Amino acid sequence: LAAETISEAIIANKFDKKFLLGYEKKLYQNLGKEISLSRGIQKLAHNAWLFNLVVNKARKNSMLRETMTCMFDDIDIRSRLRKPSFYFKLLFD
């Protein structure tokens, strides 16, 4: 994305801040959802008791273990891990 933006800037002969902000917009369009999801999961991980609960449950539950493993590749699965309902079900199932 950076190389693409530099190329566009050279072609357009525009190097001002406004033009180069296009890079940030492209970056956010491509990574924004993933960054947001990752940040949400990081916030949850700050609760040691919750993190320990999830790890212990995953150790005993193959479906949960698979979900957690797949979250690194699948943004939709990762979004489930941000929802409190996921942990509520985890506690009471």
PDB file of N, CA and C in Angstrom:
ATOM      1  N   LEU A   1       0.819  -1.193   0.000  1.00  0.00           N
ATOM      2  CA  LEU A   1       0.000   0.000   0.000  1.00  0.00           C
ATOM      3  C   LEU A   1       0.865   1.259   0.000  1.00  0.00           C
ATOM      4  N   ALA A   2       1.954   1.205   0.738  1.00  0.00           N
ATOM      5  CA  ALA A   2       2.846   2.366   0.781  1.00  0.00           C
ATOM      6  C   ALA A   2       3.461   2.605  -0.595  1.00  0.00           C
ATOM      7  N   ALA A   3       3.925   1.534  -1.235  1.00  0.00           N
ATOM      8  CA  ALA A   3       4.530   1.663  -2.567  1.00  0.00           C
ATOM      9  C   ALA A   3       3.500   2.174  -3.574  1.00  0.00           C
ATOM     10  N   GLU A   4       2.292   1.689  -3.464  1.00  0.00           N
ATOM     11  CA  GLU A   4       1.217   2.133  -4.360  1.00  0.00           C
ATOM     12  C   GLU A   4       0.954   3.630  -4.178  1.00  0.00           C
ATOM     13  N   THR A   5       0.908   4.069  -2.935  1.00  0.00           N
ATOM     14  CA  THR A   5       0.668   5.484  -2.651  1.00  0.00           C
ATOM     15  C   THR A   5       1.821   6.347  -3.149  1.00  0.00           C
ATOM     16  N   ILE A   6       3.049   5.887  -2.949  1.00  0.00           N
ATOM     17  CA  ILE A   6       4.217   6.631  -3.446  1.00  0.00           C
ATOM     18  C   ILE A   6       4.165   6.746  -4.959  1.00  0.00           C
ATOM     19  N   SER A   7       3.839   5.643  -5.611  1.00  0.00           N
ATOM     20  CA  SER A   7       3.732   5.647  -7.074  1.00  0.00           C
ATOM     21  C   SER A   7       2.662   6.642  -7.540  1.00  0.00           C
ATOM     22  N   GLU A   8       1.523   6.628  -6.878  1.00  0.00           N
ATOM     23  CA  GLU A   8       0.448   7.562  -7.231  1.00  0.00           C
ATOM     24  C   GLU A   8       0.873   9.015  -6.997  1.00  0.00           C
ATOM     25  N   ALA A   9       1.615   9.240  -5.919  1.00  0.00           N
ATOM     26  CA  ALA A   9       2.091  10.594  -5.615  1.00  0.00           C
ATOM     27  C   ALA A   9       3.065  11.081  -6.682  1.00  0.00           C
ATOM     28  N   ILE A  10       3.944  10.201  -7.122  1.00  0.00           N
ATOM     29  CA  ILE A  10       4.915  10.565  -8.166  1.00  0.00           C
ATOM     30  C   ILE A  10       4.200  10.861  -9.476  1.00  0.00           C
ATOM     31  N   ILE A  11       3.265   9.997  -9.852  1.00  0.00           N
ATOM     32  CA  ILE A  11       2.515  10.190 -11.097  1.00  0.00           C
ATOM     33  C   ILE A  11       1.726  11.501 -11.054  1.00  0.00           C
ATOM     34  N   ALA A  12       1.083  11.772  -9.921  1.00  0.00           N
ATOM     35  CA  ALA A  12       0.271  12.983  -9.790  1.00  0.00           C
ATOM     36  C   ALA A  12       1.117  14.208  -9.438  1.00  0.00           C
ATOM     37  N   ASN A  13       2.393  13.955  -9.083  1.00  0.00           N
ATOM     38  CA  ASN A  13       3.304  15.015  -8.634  1.00  0.00           C
ATOM     39  C   ASN A  13       2.695  15.788  -7.451  1.00  0.00           C
ATOM     40  N   LYS A  14       2.133  15.014  -6.533  1.00  0.00           N
ATOM     41  CA  LYS A  14       1.526  15.586  -5.324  1.00  0.00           C
ATOM     42  C   LYS A  14       2.145  14.899  -4.118  1.00  0.00           C
ATOM     43  N   PHE A  15       2.699  15.698  -3.237  1.00  0.00           N
ATOM     44  CA  PHE A  15       3.356  15.150  -2.052  1.00  0.00           C
ATOM     45  C   PHE A  15       2.880  15.830  -0.767  1.00  0.00           C
ATOM     46  N   ASP A  16       1.765  16.518  -0.870  1.00  0.00           N
ATOM     47  CA  ASP A  16       1.238  17.227   0.293  1.00  0.00           C
ATOM     48  C   ASP A  16       0.551  16.251   1.253  1.00  0.00           C
ATOM     49  N   LYS A  17       0.347  16.744   2.457  1.00  0.00           N
ATOM     50  CA  LYS A  17      -0.242  15.923   3.520  1.00  0.00           C
ATOM     51  C   LYS A  17      -1.608  15.370   3.119  1.00  0.00           C
ATOM     52  N   LYS A  18      -2.427  16.211   2.512  1.00  0.00           N
ATOM     53  CA  LYS A  18      -3.784  15.789   2.138  1.00  0.00           C
ATOM     54  C   LYS A  18      -3.739  14.603   1.167  1.00  0.00           C
ATOM     55  N   PHE A  19      -2.873  14.676   0.174  1.00  0.00           N
ATOM     56  CA  PHE A  19      -2.777  13.585  -0.799  1.00  0.00           C
ATOM     57  C   PHE A  19      -2.246  12.313  -0.138  1.00  0.00           C
ATOM     58  N   LEU A  20      -1.230  12.478   0.696  1.00  0.00           N
ATOM     59  CA  LEU A  20      -0.601  11.307   1.317  1.00  0.00           C
ATOM     60  C   LEU A  20      -1.471  10.667   2.399  1.00  0.00           C
ATOM     61  N   LEU A  21      -2.493  11.375   2.865  1.00  0.00           N
ATOM     62  CA  LEU A  21      -3.429  10.771   3.815  1.00  0.00           C
ATOM     63  C   LEU A  21      -4.202   9.617   3.166  1.00  0.00           C
ATOM     64  N   GLY A  22      -4.169   9.567   1.851  1.00  0.00           N
ATOM     65  CA  GLY A  22      -4.793   8.452   1.146  1.00  0.00           C
ATOM     66  C   GLY A  22      -4.211   7.116   1.583  1.00  0.00           C
ATOM     67  N   TYR A  23      -2.933   7.128   1.947  1.00  0.00           N
ATOM     68  CA  TYR A  23      -2.293   5.902   2.436  1.00  0.00           C
ATOM     69  C   TYR A  23      -2.971   5.418   3.714  1.00  0.00           C
ATOM     70  N   GLU A  24      -3.202   6.337   4.650  1.00  0.00           N
ATOM     71  CA  GLU A  24      -3.856   5.964   5.901  1.00  0.00           C
ATOM     72  C   GLU A  24      -5.254   5.414   5.655  1.00  0.00           C
ATOM     73  N   LYS A  25      -5.955   6.037   4.732  1.00  0.00           N
ATOM     74  CA  LYS A  25      -7.310   5.567   4.414  1.00  0.00           C
ATOM     75  C   LYS A  25      -7.266   4.155   3.840  1.00  0.00           C
ATOM     76  N   LYS A  26      -6.347   3.896   2.919  1.00  0.00           N
ATOM     77  CA  LYS A  26      -6.215   2.561   2.327  1.00  0.00           C
ATOM     78  C   LYS A  26      -5.824   1.540   3.389  1.00  0.00           C
ATOM     79  N   LEU A  27      -4.901   1.935   4.242  1.00  0.00           N
ATOM     80  CA  LEU A  27      -4.443   1.037   5.301  1.00  0.00           C
ATOM     81  C   LEU A  27      -5.602   0.664   6.219  1.00  0.00           C
ATOM     82  N   TYR A  28      -6.384   1.664   6.618  1.00  0.00           N
ATOM     83  CA  TYR A  28      -7.518   1.396   7.498  1.00  0.00           C
ATOM     84  C   TYR A  28      -8.572   0.539   6.799  1.00  0.00           C
ATOM     85  N   GLN A  29      -8.821   0.789   5.513  1.00  0.00           N
ATOM     86  CA  GLN A  29      -9.792  -0.017   4.767  1.00  0.00           C
ATOM     87  C   GLN A  29      -9.360  -1.473   4.719  1.00  0.00           C
ATOM     88  N   ASN A  30      -8.062  -1.709   4.626  1.00  0.00           N
ATOM     89  CA  ASN A  30      -7.554  -3.073   4.523  1.00  0.00           C
ATOM     90  C   ASN A  30      -7.361  -3.755   5.866  1.00  0.00           C
ATOM     91  N   LEU A  31      -6.990  -2.999   6.882  1.00  0.00           N
ATOM     92  CA  LEU A  31      -6.647  -3.615   8.162  1.00  0.00           C
ATOM     93  C   LEU A  31      -7.501  -3.162   9.332  1.00  0.00           C
ATOM     94  N   GLY A  32      -8.346  -2.174   9.123  1.00  0.00           N
ATOM     95  CA  GLY A  32      -9.109  -1.599  10.228  1.00  0.00           C
ATOM     96  C   GLY A  32      -9.931  -2.597  11.009  1.00  0.00           C
ATOM     97  N   LYS A  33     -10.650  -3.454  10.320  1.00  0.00           N
ATOM     98  CA  LYS A  33     -11.497  -4.429  11.005  1.00  0.00           C
ATOM     99  C   LYS A  33     -10.649  -5.388  11.837  1.00  0.00           C
ATOM    100  N   GLU A  34      -9.552  -5.819  11.257  1.00  0.00           N
ATOM    101  CA  GLU A  34      -8.687  -6.753  11.973  1.00  0.00           C
ATOM    102  C   GLU A  34      -8.037  -6.087  13.185  1.00  0.00           C
ATOM    103  N   ILE A  35      -7.601  -4.852  13.024  1.00  0.00           N
ATOM    104  CA  ILE A  35      -6.991  -4.131  14.140  1.00  0.00           C
ATOM    105  C   ILE A  35      -8.003  -3.932  15.261  1.00  0.00           C
ATOM    106  N   SER A  36      -9.209  -3.569  14.902  1.00  0.00           N
ATOM    107  CA  SER A  36     -10.262  -3.359  15.888  1.00  0.00           C
ATOM    108  C   SER A  36     -10.570  -4.649  16.649  1.00  0.00           C
ATOM    109  N   LEU A  37     -10.681  -5.746  15.938  1.00  0.00           N
ATOM    110  CA  LEU A  37     -10.956  -7.033  16.583  1.00  0.00           C
ATOM    111  C   LEU A  37      -9.817  -7.440  17.502  1.00  0.00           C
ATOM    112  N   SER A  38      -8.594  -7.265  17.020  1.00  0.00           N
ATOM    113  CA  SER A  38      -7.434  -7.637  17.835  1.00  0.00           C
ATOM    114  C   SER A  38      -7.374  -6.818  19.110  1.00  0.00           C
ATOM    115  N   ARG A  39      -7.692  -5.551  18.999  1.00  0.00           N
ATOM    116  CA  ARG A  39      -7.675  -4.682  20.182  1.00  0.00           C
ATOM    117  C   ARG A  39      -8.737  -5.120  21.198  1.00  0.00           C
ATOM    118  N   GLY A  40      -9.896  -5.489  20.714  1.00  0.00           N
ATOM    119  CA  GLY A  40     -10.948  -5.975  21.594  1.00  0.00           C
ATOM    120  C   GLY A  40     -10.542  -7.230  22.339  1.00  0.00           C
ATOM    121  N   ILE A  41      -9.890  -8.134  21.654  1.00  0.00           N
ATOM    122  CA  ILE A  41      -9.423  -9.369  22.283  1.00  0.00           C
ATOM    123  C   ILE A  41      -8.330  -9.062  23.302  1.00  0.00           C
ATOM    124  N   GLN A  42      -7.460  -8.113  22.974  1.00  0.00           N
ATOM    125  CA  GLN A  42      -6.420  -7.719  23.928  1.00  0.00           C
ATOM    126  C   GLN A  42      -7.032  -7.178  25.213  1.00  0.00           C
ATOM    127  N   LYS A  43      -8.088  -6.393  25.087  1.00  0.00           N
ATOM    128  CA  LYS A  43      -8.757  -5.851  26.276  1.00  0.00           C
ATOM    129  C   LYS A  43      -9.303  -6.979  27.143  1.00  0.00           C
ATOM    130  N   LEU A  44      -9.897  -7.971  26.496  1.00  0.00           N
ATOM    131  CA  LEU A  44     -10.432  -9.102  27.261  1.00  0.00           C
ATOM    132  C   LEU A  44      -9.321  -9.878  27.957  1.00  0.00           C
ATOM    133  N   ALA A  45      -8.181  -9.977  27.304  1.00  0.00           N
ATOM    134  CA  ALA A  45      -7.064 -10.741  27.874  1.00  0.00           C
ATOM    135  C   ALA A  45      -6.476 -10.074  29.117  1.00  0.00           C
ATOM    136  N   HIS A  46      -6.775  -8.791  29.324  1.00  0.00           N
ATOM    137  CA  HIS A  46      -6.282  -8.107  30.526  1.00  0.00           C
ATOM    138  C   HIS A  46      -6.992  -8.597  31.791  1.00  0.00           C
ATOM    139  N   ASN A  47      -8.103  -9.268  31.632  1.00  0.00           N
ATOM    140  CA  ASN A  47      -8.799  -9.864  32.774  1.00  0.00           C
ATOM    141  C   ASN A  47      -8.245 -11.269  32.975  1.00  0.00           C
ATOM    142  N   ALA A  48      -7.303 -11.385  33.890  1.00  0.00           N
ATOM    143  CA  ALA A  48      -6.603 -12.659  34.083  1.00  0.00           C
ATOM    144  C   ALA A  48      -7.560 -13.808  34.377  1.00  0.00           C
ATOM    145  N   TRP A  49      -8.564 -13.560  35.219  1.00  0.00           N
ATOM    146  CA  TRP A  49      -9.496 -14.633  35.575  1.00  0.00           C
ATOM    147  C   TRP A  49     -10.252 -15.118  34.349  1.00  0.00           C
ATOM    148  N   LEU A  50     -10.618 -14.184  33.451  1.00  0.00           N
ATOM    149  CA  LEU A  50     -11.341 -14.556  32.238  1.00  0.00           C
ATOM    150  C   LEU A  50     -10.424 -15.312  31.280  1.00  0.00           C
ATOM    151  N   PHE A  51      -9.209 -14.823  31.142  1.00  0.00           N
ATOM    152  CA  PHE A  51      -8.241 -15.487  30.273  1.00  0.00           C
ATOM    153  C   PHE A  51      -7.977 -16.912  30.761  1.00  0.00           C
ATOM    154  N   ASN A  52      -7.765 -17.061  32.044  1.00  0.00           N
ATOM    155  CA  ASN A  52      -7.514 -18.394  32.618  1.00  0.00           C
ATOM    156  C   ASN A  52      -8.720 -19.310  32.424  1.00  0.00           C
ATOM    157  N   LEU A  53      -9.916 -18.766  32.601  1.00  0.00           N
ATOM    158  CA  LEU A  53     -11.129 -19.554  32.399  1.00  0.00           C
ATOM    159  C   LEU A  53     -11.204 -20.075  30.971  1.00  0.00           C
ATOM    160  N   VAL A  54     -10.974 -19.182  30.018  1.00  0.00           N
ATOM    161  CA  VAL A  54     -11.058 -19.571  28.605  1.00  0.00           C
ATOM    162  C   VAL A  54     -10.003 -20.624  28.272  1.00  0.00           C
ATOM    163  N   VAL A  55      -8.802 -20.420  28.730  1.00  0.00           N
ATOM    164  CA  VAL A  55      -7.728 -21.391  28.447  1.00  0.00           C
ATOM    165  C   VAL A  55      -8.056 -22.742  29.059  1.00  0.00           C
ATOM    166  N   ASN A  56      -8.542 -22.753  30.284  1.00  0.00           N
ATOM    167  CA  ASN A  56      -8.889 -24.022  30.934  1.00  0.00           C
ATOM    168  C   ASN A  56     -10.057 -24.713  30.228  1.00  0.00           C
ATOM    169  N   LYS A  57     -11.047 -23.931  29.806  1.00  0.00           N
ATOM    170  CA  LYS A  57     -12.167 -24.516  29.060  1.00  0.00           C
ATOM    171  C   LYS A  57     -11.692 -25.068  27.722  1.00  0.00           C
ATOM    172  N   ALA A  58     -10.820 -24.327  27.051  1.00  0.00           N
ATOM    173  CA  ALA A  58     -10.316 -24.761  25.745  1.00  0.00           C
ATOM    174  C   ALA A  58      -9.513 -26.048  25.867  1.00  0.00           C
ATOM    175  N   ARG A  59      -8.853 -26.200  26.976  1.00  0.00           N
ATOM    176  CA  ARG A  59      -8.079 -27.414  27.202  1.00  0.00           C
ATOM    177  C   ARG A  59      -8.991 -28.643  27.243  1.00  0.00           C
ATOM    178  N   LYS A  60     -10.218 -28.449  27.729  1.00  0.00           N
ATOM    179  CA  LYS A  60     -11.164 -29.556  27.881  1.00  0.00           C
ATOM    180  C   LYS A  60     -12.180 -29.656  26.751  1.00  0.00           C
ATOM    181  N   ASN A  61     -12.320 -28.593  25.940  1.00  0.00           N
ATOM    182  CA  ASN A  61     -13.372 -28.539  24.922  1.00  0.00           C
ATOM    183  C   ASN A  61     -12.750 -28.383  23.538  1.00  0.00           C
ATOM    184  N   SER A  62     -12.822 -29.434  22.739  1.00  0.00           N
ATOM    185  CA  SER A  62     -12.181 -29.405  21.417  1.00  0.00           C
ATOM    186  C   SER A  62     -12.797 -28.363  20.478  1.00  0.00           C
ATOM    187  N   MET A  63     -14.108 -28.122  20.592  1.00  0.00           N
ATOM    188  CA  MET A  63     -14.743 -27.131  19.734  1.00  0.00           C
ATOM    189  C   MET A  63     -14.233 -25.722  20.052  1.00  0.00           C
ATOM    190  N   LEU A  64     -14.118 -25.411  21.319  1.00  0.00           N
ATOM    191  CA  LEU A  64     -13.590 -24.117  21.725  1.00  0.00           C
ATOM    192  C   LEU A  64     -12.130 -23.990  21.308  1.00  0.00           C
ATOM    193  N   ARG A  65     -11.382 -25.053  21.482  1.00  0.00           N
ATOM    194  CA  ARG A  65      -9.975 -25.050  21.095  1.00  0.00           C
ATOM    195  C   ARG A  65      -9.833 -24.763  19.600  1.00  0.00           C
ATOM    196  N   GLU A  66     -10.684 -25.389  18.791  1.00  0.00           N
ATOM    197  CA  GLU A  66     -10.674 -25.177  17.339  1.00  0.00           C
ATOM    198  C   GLU A  66     -11.050 -23.733  16.999  1.00  0.00           C
ATOM    199  N   THR A  67     -12.047 -23.210  17.684  1.00  0.00           N
ATOM    200  CA  THR A  67     -12.470 -21.815  17.466  1.00  0.00           C
ATOM    201  C   THR A  67     -11.323 -20.866  17.749  1.00  0.00           C
ATOM    202  N   MET A  68     -10.650 -21.074  18.865  1.00  0.00           N
ATOM    203  CA  MET A  68      -9.547 -20.195  19.233  1.00  0.00           C
ATOM    204  C   MET A  68      -8.378 -20.325  18.262  1.00  0.00           C
ATOM    205  N   THR A  69      -8.136 -21.508  17.774  1.00  0.00           N
ATOM    206  CA  THR A  69      -7.064 -21.708  16.805  1.00  0.00           C
ATOM    207  C   THR A  69      -7.392 -21.022  15.483  1.00  0.00           C
ATOM    208  N   CYS A  70      -8.625 -21.136  15.051  1.00  0.00           N
ATOM    209  CA  CYS A  70      -9.043 -20.550  13.769  1.00  0.00           C
ATOM    210  C   CYS A  70      -9.136 -19.035  13.821  1.00  0.00           C
ATOM    211  N   MET A  71      -9.237 -18.472  15.014  1.00  0.00           N
ATOM    212  CA  MET A  71      -9.406 -17.020  15.102  1.00  0.00           C
ATOM    213  C   MET A  71      -8.225 -16.262  14.508  1.00  0.00           C
ATOM    214  N   PHE A  72      -7.081 -16.903  14.415  1.00  0.00           N
ATOM    215  CA  PHE A  72      -5.921 -16.234  13.835  1.00  0.00           C
ATOM    216  C   PHE A  72      -6.045 -16.078  12.326  1.00  0.00           C
ATOM    217  N   ASP A  73      -6.876 -16.909  11.708  1.00  0.00           N
ATOM    218  CA  ASP A  73      -7.054 -16.849  10.261  1.00  0.00           C
ATOM    219  C   ASP A  73      -8.395 -16.276   9.833  1.00  0.00           C
ATOM    220  N   ASP A  74      -9.377 -16.316  10.694  1.00  0.00           N
ATOM    221  CA  ASP A  74     -10.742 -15.973  10.304  1.00  0.00           C
ATOM    222  C   ASP A  74     -11.277 -14.828  11.158  1.00  0.00           C
ATOM    223  N   ILE A  75     -11.458 -13.663  10.532  1.00  0.00           N
ATOM    224  CA  ILE A  75     -11.919 -12.470  11.248  1.00  0.00           C
ATOM    225  C   ILE A  75     -13.317 -12.673  11.816  1.00  0.00           C
ATOM    226  N   ASP A  76     -14.184 -13.405  11.118  1.00  0.00           N
ATOM    227  CA  ASP A  76     -15.540 -13.623  11.614  1.00  0.00           C
ATOM    228  C   ASP A  76     -15.534 -14.412  12.917  1.00  0.00           C
ATOM    229  N   ILE A  77     -14.677 -15.405  12.995  1.00  0.00           N
ATOM    230  CA  ILE A  77     -14.562 -16.171  14.238  1.00  0.00           C
ATOM    231  C   ILE A  77     -14.008 -15.275  15.334  1.00  0.00           C
ATOM    232  N   ARG A  78     -13.038 -14.468  15.002  1.00  0.00           N
ATOM    233  CA  ARG A  78     -12.441 -13.570  15.984  1.00  0.00           C
ATOM    234  C   ARG A  78     -13.474 -12.602  16.546  1.00  0.00           C
ATOM    235  N   SER A  79     -14.405 -12.176  15.710  1.00  0.00           N
ATOM    236  CA  SER A  79     -15.419 -11.231  16.188  1.00  0.00           C
ATOM    237  C   SER A  79     -16.311 -11.880  17.246  1.00  0.00           C
ATOM    238  N   ARG A  80     -16.522 -13.200  17.163  1.00  0.00           N
ATOM    239  CA  ARG A  80     -17.308 -13.885  18.191  1.00  0.00           C
ATOM    240  C   ARG A  80     -16.624 -13.805  19.548  1.00  0.00           C
ATOM    241  N   LEU A  81     -15.304 -13.842  19.544  1.00  0.00           N
ATOM    242  CA  LEU A  81     -14.553 -13.823  20.790  1.00  0.00           C
ATOM    243  C   LEU A  81     -14.611 -12.471  21.485  1.00  0.00           C
ATOM    244  N   ARG A  82     -15.038 -11.443  20.778  1.00  0.00           N
ATOM    245  CA  ARG A  82     -15.175 -10.113  21.368  1.00  0.00           C
ATOM    246  C   ARG A  82     -16.514  -9.922  22.057  1.00  0.00           C
ATOM    247  N   LYS A  83     -17.453 -10.796  21.799  1.00  0.00           N
ATOM    248  CA  LYS A  83     -18.806 -10.622  22.323  1.00  0.00           C
ATOM    249  C   LYS A  83     -18.929 -11.242  23.714  1.00  0.00           C
ATOM    250  N   PRO A  84     -19.465 -10.486  24.660  1.00  0.00           N
ATOM    251  CA  PRO A  84     -19.662 -11.042  26.004  1.00  0.00           C
ATOM    252  C   PRO A  84     -20.523 -12.308  26.000  1.00  0.00           C
ATOM    253  N   SER A  85     -21.446 -12.412  25.046  1.00  0.00           N
ATOM    254  CA  SER A  85     -22.307 -13.598  24.995  1.00  0.00           C
ATOM    255  C   SER A  85     -21.493 -14.877  24.779  1.00  0.00           C
ATOM    256  N   PHE A  86     -20.385 -14.763  24.070  1.00  0.00           N
ATOM    257  CA  PHE A  86     -19.514 -15.922  23.853  1.00  0.00           C
ATOM    258  C   PHE A  86     -19.028 -16.454  25.199  1.00  0.00           C
ATOM    259  N   TYR A  87     -18.609 -15.544  26.074  1.00  0.00           N
ATOM    260  CA  TYR A  87     -18.079 -15.942  27.369  1.00  0.00           C
ATOM    261  C   TYR A  87     -19.188 -16.373  28.323  1.00  0.00           C
ATOM    262  N   PHE A  88     -20.359 -15.780  28.187  1.00  0.00           N
ATOM    263  CA  PHE A  88     -21.501 -16.195  28.993  1.00  0.00           C
ATOM    264  C   PHE A  88     -21.841 -17.655  28.673  1.00  0.00           C
ATOM    265  N   LYS A  89     -21.903 -17.964  27.373  1.00  0.00           N
ATOM    266  CA  LYS A  89     -22.178 -19.345  26.962  1.00  0.00           C
ATOM    267  C   LYS A  89     -21.063 -20.271  27.434  1.00  0.00           C
ATOM    268  N   LEU A  90     -19.844 -19.785  27.383  1.00  0.00           N
ATOM    269  CA  LEU A  90     -18.706 -20.574  27.818  1.00  0.00           C
ATOM    270  C   LEU A  90     -18.819 -20.905  29.311  1.00  0.00           C
ATOM    271  N   LEU A  91     -19.262 -19.944  30.089  1.00  0.00           N
ATOM    272  CA  LEU A  91     -19.388 -20.168  31.527  1.00  0.00           C
ATOM    273  C   LEU A  91     -20.492 -21.160  31.881  1.00  0.00           C
ATOM    274  N   PHE A  92     -21.603 -21.099  31.132  1.00  0.00           N
ATOM    275  CA  PHE A  92     -22.782 -21.856  31.548  1.00  0.00           C
ATOM    276  C   PHE A  92     -23.101 -23.059  30.672  1.00  0.00           C
ATOM    277  N   ASP A  93     -22.240 -23.385  29.731  1.00  0.00           N
ATOM    278  CA  ASP A  93     -22.453 -24.598  28.921  1.00  0.00           C
ATOM    279  C   ASP A  93     -21.648 -25.754  29.473  1.00  0.00           C
TER     280      ASP A  93
END
